[in-house]
Amino acid sequence: MPRGASAEAPRRRDRDTEGRARNARPRDGLGRPLPYGSPGVARQPEGVVRAPEESLAEAQRLLDEGMPFHAHEVLEDAWKSGPEEERELWRGLAQLAVGLTHAARGNVTGGTALLTRGAAAIGPYADAPPYGIDVTGLARWAGELAASLRGPVPAAAHAPRLRAASGR
């Protein structure tokens, strides 16, 4: 047997009904894979088309519950299904959620990079933010969190407000 090889048969890659690779391992609240058979947090269904207000409300709920990885999945659906002129906004919001995910996992470099990238992506929408999104406040939040990261942070305690108070 080659060095480092296992006597066990290799595990086949998890596939969805269309044959695309999909990891079926359960995940924790920050999206980290857990061992097969472990209890995990229900994953967000992929490819759900929601109205922008629904996407924001669902993403906010998940952020408030300390699940920014799951919020990013909701925002990613909005990014992929939204109108072309809003795609960078939704992409930036998804990047902010991933940045918080990395920050909560203790990945300072990844968290800082994604928070900075997300803030830059949403910045052009600051003059006329759609759907009551608090672009200016989110950019400020991202900059402050990125600058203060030294290790893991509690996700729910650091969750941003996606919409301005009047936009809720």
Protein backbone atom coordinates (compact mmCIF):
# COMPACT_ATOMS: atom_id res chain seq x y z
CA MET A 1 0.00 0.00 0.00
CA PRO A 2 1.41 3.45 -0.87
CA ARG A 3 2.62 5.56 2.00
CA GLY A 4 -0.19 7.68 3.49
CA ALA A 5 -2.90 5.60 1.79
CA SER A 6 -5.83 4.35 3.79
CA ALA A 7 -7.05 0.77 3.83
CA GLU A 8 -10.60 2.16 3.62
CA ALA A 9 -12.22 2.70 0.26
CA PRO A 10 -12.13 6.37 -0.74
CA ARG A 11 -15.32 8.28 0.06
CA ARG A 12 -17.21 9.24 -3.05
CA ARG A 13 -17.89 12.90 -3.49
CA ASP A 14 -21.38 13.99 -2.40
CA ARG A 15 -23.56 14.88 -5.39
CA ASP A 16 -26.95 16.53 -5.77
CA THR A 17 -29.74 15.17 -7.97
CA GLU A 18 -28.21 16.87 -11.03
CA GLY A 19 -24.82 15.30 -10.33
CA ARG A 20 -23.13 18.51 -9.14
CA ALA A 21 -20.68 18.20 -6.29
CA ARG A 22 -22.39 19.12 -3.02
CA ASN A 23 -20.98 18.53 0.41
CA ALA A 24 -23.69 16.78 2.40
CA ARG A 25 -21.82 17.02 5.69
CA PRO A 26 -23.74 18.82 8.41
CA ARG A 27 -22.57 22.35 9.20
CA ASP A 28 -22.36 24.41 12.35
CA GLY A 29 -23.82 27.90 12.71
CA LEU A 30 -20.74 29.42 11.07
CA GLY A 31 -20.89 27.07 8.10
CA ARG A 32 -18.00 24.86 9.18
CA PRO A 33 -18.38 21.20 8.20
CA LEU A 34 -19.03 18.74 10.99
CA PRO A 35 -18.45 14.98 10.90
CA TYR A 36 -21.07 12.96 9.03
CA GLY A 37 -23.89 11.99 11.38
CA SER A 38 -23.40 14.98 13.69
CA PRO A 39 -26.33 17.25 14.38
CA GLY A 40 -25.90 20.47 12.47
CA VAL A 41 -27.69 23.67 11.58
CA ALA A 42 -30.13 23.43 8.69
CA ARG A 43 -28.60 24.87 5.54
CA GLN A 44 -30.26 27.58 3.53
CA PRO A 45 -31.84 26.30 0.35
CA GLU A 46 -29.90 27.47 -2.70
CA GLY A 47 -31.28 29.35 -5.65
CA VAL A 48 -34.27 30.87 -3.88
CA VAL A 49 -35.55 33.97 -5.63
CA ARG A 50 -36.95 36.43 -3.10
CA ALA A 51 -38.10 40.02 -3.28
CA PRO A 52 -35.28 42.34 -2.13
CA GLU A 53 -37.12 43.17 1.09
CA GLU A 54 -37.50 39.44 1.86
CA SER A 55 -33.81 38.84 1.20
CA LEU A 56 -32.85 41.65 3.55
CA ALA A 57 -35.24 40.50 6.27
CA GLU A 58 -34.06 36.87 6.10
CA ALA A 59 -30.39 37.85 5.99
CA GLN A 60 -30.89 40.18 8.98
CA ARG A 61 -32.63 37.42 10.95
CA LEU A 62 -29.71 35.08 10.31
CA LEU A 63 -27.14 37.73 11.19
CA ASP A 64 -28.97 38.50 14.42
CA GLU A 65 -28.95 34.77 15.26
CA GLY A 66 -25.17 34.63 14.80
CA MET A 67 -25.28 32.78 11.47
CA PRO A 68 -23.53 35.09 8.99
CA PHE A 69 -22.53 32.15 6.73
CA HIS A 70 -26.20 31.37 6.23
CA ALA A 71 -27.00 35.06 5.71
CA HIS A 72 -24.35 35.17 2.98
CA GLU A 73 -26.17 32.34 1.18
CA VAL A 74 -29.40 34.38 1.16
CA LEU A 75 -27.55 37.47 -0.08
CA GLU A 76 -25.74 35.40 -2.70
CA ASP A 77 -29.11 34.25 -4.09
CA ALA A 78 -30.15 37.92 -4.35
CA TRP A 79 -26.86 38.74 -6.09
CA LYS A 80 -27.30 35.96 -8.63
CA SER A 81 -30.99 36.59 -9.33
CA GLY A 82 -31.17 40.38 -9.05
CA PRO A 83 -31.07 42.97 -11.80
CA GLU A 84 -27.67 43.64 -13.34
CA GLU A 85 -27.48 47.18 -11.94
CA GLU A 86 -27.78 45.83 -8.35
CA ARG A 87 -25.51 42.81 -8.60
CA GLU A 88 -22.45 44.53 -7.07
CA LEU A 89 -24.57 45.76 -4.17
CA TRP A 90 -25.81 42.27 -3.33
CA ARG A 91 -22.37 40.77 -3.95
CA GLY A 92 -20.88 43.32 -1.55
CA LEU A 93 -23.50 42.54 1.10
CA ALA A 94 -22.71 38.83 0.72
CA GLN A 95 -19.01 39.62 1.11
CA LEU A 96 -19.73 41.54 4.32
CA ALA A 97 -21.54 38.49 5.70
CA VAL A 98 -18.62 36.24 4.72
CA GLY A 99 -16.25 38.74 6.33
CA LEU A 100 -18.19 38.44 9.58
CA THR A 101 -18.11 34.65 9.18
CA HIS A 102 -14.31 34.70 8.93
CA ALA A 103 -14.09 37.12 11.86
CA ALA A 104 -16.25 34.84 14.01
CA ARG A 105 -14.09 31.86 13.05
CA GLY A 106 -10.97 33.79 14.09
CA ASN A 107 -9.62 34.22 10.56
CA VAL A 108 -8.37 37.79 10.94
CA THR A 109 -6.78 37.99 7.47
CA GLY A 110 -9.82 36.60 5.66
CA GLY A 111 -12.25 38.65 7.72
CA THR A 112 -10.38 41.87 7.09
CA ALA A 113 -10.09 41.18 3.35
CA LEU A 114 -13.78 40.35 2.87
CA LEU A 115 -15.04 43.21 5.04
CA THR A 116 -12.86 45.64 3.08
CA ARG A 117 -13.88 44.19 -0.29
CA GLY A 118 -17.57 44.18 0.63
CA ALA A 119 -17.48 47.79 1.81
CA ALA A 120 -15.80 48.83 -1.45
CA ALA A 121 -18.43 46.98 -3.51
CA ILE A 122 -21.40 48.66 -1.81
CA GLY A 123 -19.78 52.11 -1.68
CA PRO A 124 -21.05 53.28 -5.09
CA TYR A 125 -24.64 52.86 -3.86
CA ALA A 126 -24.24 55.31 -0.96
CA ASP A 127 -25.76 58.30 -2.76
CA ALA A 128 -29.02 56.48 -3.55
CA PRO A 129 -29.19 53.31 -1.47
CA PRO A 130 -32.01 51.02 -2.60
CA TYR A 131 -34.45 49.28 -0.23
CA GLY A 132 -33.39 51.37 2.75
CA ILE A 133 -30.00 49.65 2.90
CA ASP A 134 -27.70 51.58 5.22
CA VAL A 135 -24.73 51.64 2.83
CA THR A 136 -22.86 54.32 4.75
CA GLY A 137 -23.43 52.63 8.11
CA LEU A 138 -22.44 49.22 6.74
CA ALA A 139 -19.23 50.59 5.26
CA ARG A 140 -18.40 52.24 8.60
CA TRP A 141 -19.23 49.00 10.50
CA ALA A 142 -17.04 46.96 8.15
CA GLY A 143 -14.10 49.34 8.50
CA GLU A 144 -14.35 49.45 12.29
CA LEU A 145 -14.65 45.67 12.61
CA ALA A 146 -11.78 45.06 10.17
CA ALA A 147 -9.55 47.49 12.06
CA SER A 148 -10.33 45.90 15.43
CA LEU A 149 -9.99 42.22 14.54
CA ARG A 150 -7.44 40.38 16.65
CA GLY A 151 -9.16 36.99 17.04
CA PRO A 152 -12.60 35.38 17.01
CA VAL A 153 -15.57 37.63 17.67
CA PRO A 154 -19.11 36.59 18.62
CA ALA A 155 -21.06 36.85 15.36
CA ALA A 156 -24.42 37.89 16.80
CA ALA A 157 -22.86 40.59 18.97
CA HIS A 158 -21.12 42.05 15.91
CA ALA A 159 -24.01 41.67 13.45
CA PRO A 160 -24.60 44.82 11.41
CA ARG A 161 -27.94 46.45 10.68
CA LEU A 162 -28.53 46.02 6.93
CA ARG A 163 -31.19 48.70 6.73
CA ALA A 164 -31.36 52.16 8.18
CA ALA A 165 -33.86 52.49 11.03
CA SER A 166 -36.39 54.14 8.73
CA GLY A 167 -35.88 51.36 6.13
CA ARG A 168 -37.00 48.52 8.41
